[in-house]
C-alpha atoms as a PDB file:
ATOM      1  CA  MET A   1      30.715-205.690   4.438  1.00  0.00           C
ATOM      2  CA  ILE A   2      28.019-205.652   1.769  1.00  0.00           C
ATOM      3  CA  LYS A   3      24.553-206.056   3.312  1.00  0.00           C
ATOM      4  CA  GLY A   4      22.322-206.329   0.237  1.00  0.00           C
ATOM      5  CA  ILE A   5      20.916-204.495  -2.753  1.00  0.00           C
ATOM      6  CA  ALA A   6      19.742-201.011  -1.748  1.00  0.00           C
ATOM      7  CA  HIS A   7      18.193-199.861  -5.023  1.00  0.00           C
ATOM      8  CA  VAL A   8      17.922-200.228  -8.749  1.00  0.00           C
ATOM      9  CA  ALA A   9      17.810-197.023 -10.796  1.00  0.00           C
ATOM     10  CA  TYR A  10      16.006-196.199 -14.036  1.00  0.00           C
ATOM     11  CA  THR A  11      15.802-192.993 -16.018  1.00  0.00           C
ATOM     12  CA  ALA A  12      12.123-192.553 -16.886  1.00  0.00           C
ATOM     13  CA  SER A  13      10.944-191.063 -20.163  1.00  0.00           C
ATOM     14  CA  ASP A  14       7.575-190.121 -18.608  1.00  0.00           C
ATOM     15  CA  MET A  15       7.700-189.793 -14.813  1.00  0.00           C
ATOM     16  CA  GLU A  16       3.917-189.760 -14.357  1.00  0.00           C
ATOM     17  CA  LYS A  17       3.520-193.017 -16.301  1.00  0.00           C
ATOM     18  CA  SER A  18       6.362-194.595 -14.327  1.00  0.00           C
ATOM     19  CA  LEU A  19       4.934-193.484 -10.971  1.00  0.00           C
ATOM     20  CA  HIS A  20       1.506-194.786 -12.003  1.00  0.00           C
ATOM     21  CA  PHE A  21       3.029-198.144 -12.970  1.00  0.00           C
ATOM     22  CA  TYR A  22       5.223-198.689  -9.915  1.00  0.00           C
ATOM     23  CA  CYS A  23       2.822-197.197  -7.337  1.00  0.00           C
ATOM     24  CA  ASP A  24      -0.732-197.581  -8.617  1.00  0.00           C
ATOM     25  CA  GLN A  25      -0.345-200.759 -10.636  1.00  0.00           C
ATOM     26  CA  LEU A  26       2.383-202.677  -8.760  1.00  0.00           C
ATOM     27  CA  GLY A  27       1.354-201.313  -5.355  1.00  0.00           C
ATOM     28  CA  PHE A  28       4.620-199.795  -4.147  1.00  0.00           C
ATOM     29  CA  GLU A  29       4.662-196.389  -2.479  1.00  0.00           C
ATOM     30  CA  LYS A  30       6.494-193.224  -3.396  1.00  0.00           C
ATOM     31  CA  ALA A  31       8.827-192.688  -0.449  1.00  0.00           C
ATOM     32  CA  PHE A  32      10.338-189.294  -1.265  1.00  0.00           C
ATOM     33  CA  GLU A  33      11.703-187.025  -3.986  1.00  0.00           C
ATOM     34  CA  ILE A  34      15.125-185.409  -4.295  1.00  0.00           C
ATOM     35  CA  ARG A  35      15.513-182.103  -6.105  1.00  0.00           C
ATOM     36  CA  ASP A  36      18.615-180.881  -7.926  1.00  0.00           C
ATOM     37  CA  ASP A  37      20.696-177.803  -6.982  1.00  0.00           C
ATOM     38  CA  GLU A  38      18.241-175.560  -8.845  1.00  0.00           C
ATOM     39  CA  GLY A  39      15.242-176.980  -6.980  1.00  0.00           C
ATOM     40  CA  LYS A  40      13.934-178.960  -9.958  1.00  0.00           C
ATOM     41  CA  PRO A  41      12.636-182.539  -9.540  1.00  0.00           C
ATOM     42  CA  TRP A  42      15.528-184.971 -10.046  1.00  0.00           C
ATOM     43  CA  ILE A  43      14.783-188.415  -8.518  1.00  0.00           C
ATOM     44  CA  ASN A  44      11.707-190.148  -7.107  1.00  0.00           C
ATOM     45  CA  TYR A  45      12.300-192.990  -4.668  1.00  0.00           C
ATOM     46  CA  ILE A  46       9.809-195.861  -4.693  1.00  0.00           C
ATOM     47  CA  LYS A  47       9.874-198.040  -1.571  1.00  0.00           C
ATOM     48  CA  VAL A  48      10.012-201.760  -2.348  1.00  0.00           C
ATOM     49  CA  GLY A  49      10.914-203.119   1.099  1.00  0.00           C
ATOM     50  CA  LYS A  50      12.951-202.246   4.146  1.00  0.00           C
ATOM     51  CA  ASN A  51      15.932-200.244   2.840  1.00  0.00           C
ATOM     52  CA  GLN A  52      15.080-201.293  -0.744  1.00  0.00           C
ATOM     53  CA  PHE A  53      14.087-198.762  -3.383  1.00  0.00           C
ATOM     54  CA  ILE A  54      13.597-198.166  -7.079  1.00  0.00           C
ATOM     55  CA  GLU A  55      15.089-194.813  -8.099  1.00  0.00           C
ATOM     56  CA  LEU A  56      13.348-193.066 -10.974  1.00  0.00           C
ATOM     57  CA  PHE A  57      15.391-190.282 -12.591  1.00  0.00           C
ATOM     58  CA  TYR A  58      13.749-187.642 -14.780  1.00  0.00           C
ATOM     59  CA  GLY A  59      14.699-187.011 -18.405  1.00  0.00           C
ATOM     60  CA  GLY A  60      15.115-190.389 -20.058  1.00  0.00           C
ATOM     61  CA  LYS A  61      14.710-191.211 -23.717  1.00  0.00           C
ATOM     62  CA  LYS A  62      13.095-194.461 -24.815  1.00  0.00           C
ATOM     63  CA  LYS A  63      15.505-197.249 -25.817  1.00  0.00           C
ATOM     64  CA  ASP A  64      15.117-200.099 -28.252  1.00  0.00           C
ATOM     65  CA  HIS A  65      14.781-203.124 -25.978  1.00  0.00           C
ATOM     66  CA  SER A  66      14.532-205.597 -28.846  1.00  0.00           C
ATOM     67  CA  GLN A  67      18.243-206.401 -28.935  1.00  0.00           C
ATOM     68  CA  ASN A  68      20.092-208.598 -26.485  1.00  0.00           C
ATOM     69  CA  GLU A  69      22.658-206.017 -25.419  1.00  0.00           C
ATOM     70  CA  ALA A  70      25.290-206.626 -22.755  1.00  0.00           C
ATOM     71  CA  GLY A  71      24.511-205.011 -19.424  1.00  0.00           C
ATOM     72  CA  PHE A  72      21.378-204.784 -17.343  1.00  0.00           C
ATOM     73  CA  SER A  73      18.805-207.438 -18.226  1.00  0.00           C
ATOM     74  CA  HIS A  74      15.875-207.247 -15.810  1.00  0.00           C
ATOM     75  CA  LEU A  75      14.555-206.595 -12.321  1.00  0.00           C
ATOM     76  CA  CYS A  76      13.136-209.586 -10.431  1.00  0.00           C
ATOM     77  CA  LEU A  77      10.481-209.074  -7.751  1.00  0.00           C
ATOM     78  CA  GLU A  78       9.633-211.918  -5.393  1.00  0.00           C
ATOM     79  CA  VAL A  79       5.935-212.611  -4.805  1.00  0.00           C
ATOM     80  CA  ASP A  80       4.078-214.954  -2.434  1.00  0.00           C
ATOM     81  CA  ASP A  81       1.338-216.118  -4.846  1.00  0.00           C
ATOM     82  CA  ILE A  82       2.079-215.539  -8.518  1.00  0.00           C
ATOM     83  CA  GLN A  83      -1.426-216.427  -9.744  1.00  0.00           C
ATOM     84  CA  LYS A  84      -3.049-213.950  -7.351  1.00  0.00           C
ATOM     85  CA  VAL A  85      -0.543-211.205  -8.269  1.00  0.00           C
ATOM     86  CA  VAL A  86      -1.154-211.729 -11.995  1.00  0.00           C
ATOM     87  CA  GLU A  87      -4.940-211.551 -11.481  1.00  0.00           C
ATOM     88  CA  GLU A  88      -4.538-208.249  -9.598  1.00  0.00           C
ATOM     89  CA  LEU A  89      -2.174-206.802 -12.202  1.00  0.00           C
ATOM     90  CA  LYS A  90      -4.554-207.684 -15.031  1.00  0.00           C
ATOM     91  CA  LYS A  91      -7.350-205.855 -13.174  1.00  0.00           C
ATOM     92  CA  LYS A  92      -5.042-202.805 -13.157  1.00  0.00           C
ATOM     93  CA  ASN A  93      -4.454-203.151 -16.935  1.00  0.00           C
ATOM     94  CA  VAL A  94      -0.847-204.345 -16.651  1.00  0.00           C
ATOM     95  CA  ILE A  95       0.087-206.365 -19.737  1.00  0.00           C
ATOM     96  CA  ILE A  96       1.538-209.774 -18.888  1.00  0.00           C
ATOM     97  CA  ASP A  97       4.255-210.506 -21.476  1.00  0.00           C
ATOM     98  CA  VAL A  98       4.705-214.111 -20.343  1.00  0.00           C
ATOM     99  CA  GLU A  99       2.022-215.865 -18.299  1.00  0.00           C
ATOM    100  CA  PRO A 100       3.103-217.761 -15.145  1.00  0.00           C
ATOM    101  CA  LYS A 101       5.127-220.875 -15.801  1.00  0.00           C
ATOM    102  CA  GLN A 102       7.531-223.001 -13.822  1.00  0.00           C
ATOM    103  CA  GLY A 103      11.183-222.463 -14.710  1.00  0.00           C
ATOM    104  CA  LYS A 104      14.022-224.958 -14.783  1.00  0.00           C
ATOM    105  CA  ASP A 105      14.855-223.860 -11.225  1.00  0.00           C
ATOM    106  CA  PHE A 106      11.322-224.976 -10.095  1.00  0.00           C
ATOM    107  CA  ASN A 107      10.288-221.380  -9.317  1.00  0.00           C
ATOM    108  CA  TRP A 108       7.137-219.913 -10.844  1.00  0.00           C
ATOM    109  CA  GLN A 109       7.775-216.851 -12.961  1.00  0.00           C
ATOM    110  CA  CYS A 110       6.044-214.445 -15.299  1.00  0.00           C
ATOM    111  CA  TRP A 111       7.139-211.286 -17.067  1.00  0.00           C
ATOM    112  CA  ILE A 112       5.900-207.702 -17.404  1.00  0.00           C
ATOM    113  CA  ARG A 113       7.446-204.407 -18.586  1.00  0.00           C
ATOM    114  CA  ASP A 114       7.446-200.917 -17.127  1.00  0.00           C
ATOM    115  CA  PRO A 115       6.354-197.936 -19.272  1.00  0.00           C
ATOM    116  CA  ASP A 116       9.879-197.633 -20.738  1.00  0.00           C
ATOM    117  CA  GLY A 117      10.028-201.300 -21.716  1.00  0.00           C
ATOM    118  CA  ASN A 118      12.304-202.447 -18.883  1.00  0.00           C
ATOM    119  CA  ARG A 119      11.730-206.142 -18.234  1.00  0.00           C
ATOM    120  CA  ILE A 120      10.450-207.192 -14.811  1.00  0.00           C
ATOM    121  CA  GLU A 121      10.290-210.804 -13.681  1.00  0.00           C
ATOM    122  CA  LEU A 122       7.815-211.764 -10.981  1.00  0.00           C
ATOM    123  CA  MET A 123       8.954-214.905  -9.165  1.00  0.00           C
ATOM    124  CA  GLN A 124       7.360-217.212  -6.606  1.00  0.00           C
ATOM    125  CA  ILE A 125      10.116-219.181  -4.876  1.00  0.00           C
ATOM    126  CA  SER A 126       9.632-222.952  -4.657  1.00  0.00           C
ATOM    127  CA  GLU A 127      11.013-224.978  -1.756  1.00  0.00           C
ATOM    128  CA  LYS A 128      12.575-227.256  -4.415  1.00  0.00           C
ATOM    129  CA  SER A 129      14.521-224.398  -6.005  1.00  0.00           C
ATOM    130  CA  PRO A 130      18.257-223.838  -5.663  1.00  0.00           C
ATOM    131  CA  GLN A 131      17.535-220.231  -4.575  1.00  0.00           C
ATOM    132  CA  TYR A 132      15.437-221.461  -1.649  1.00  0.00           C
ATOM    133  CA  LYS A 133      18.051-224.023  -0.658  1.00  0.00           C
ATOM    134  CA  ALA A 134      20.906-221.524  -0.960  1.00  0.00           C
ATOM    135  CA  SER A 135      19.147-219.013   1.303  1.00  0.00           C
ATOM    136  CA  ARG A 136      18.819-221.431   4.215  1.00  0.00           C
END
């Protein structure tokens, strides 16, 4: 039986920038690193929650994120207080692409990007939302 989402994986074009973003700016922690068969760095695991990780692979090349291509769209991170999170992110020089606003599902959301341009939604769940009701 499927229990949940264990990780999302990205290939980073600049590992140090990605680690700075996910750890220093978003506040996650680097959990561990896996090396390849030759002993070279291969993957960094960033702990998001219990048994939840972001995998960062070395060696990526920047993509053009301006087109609406089929496939992966964005990562959504749930927050308790979106206004407070946005204030903290701005203090850490994270650019807010879209300021907090209430969506059609009644949840509060805003948008940021990681150093490779991957879209990240920050969402504060509302008790009026279908997501909240469906999780009860």
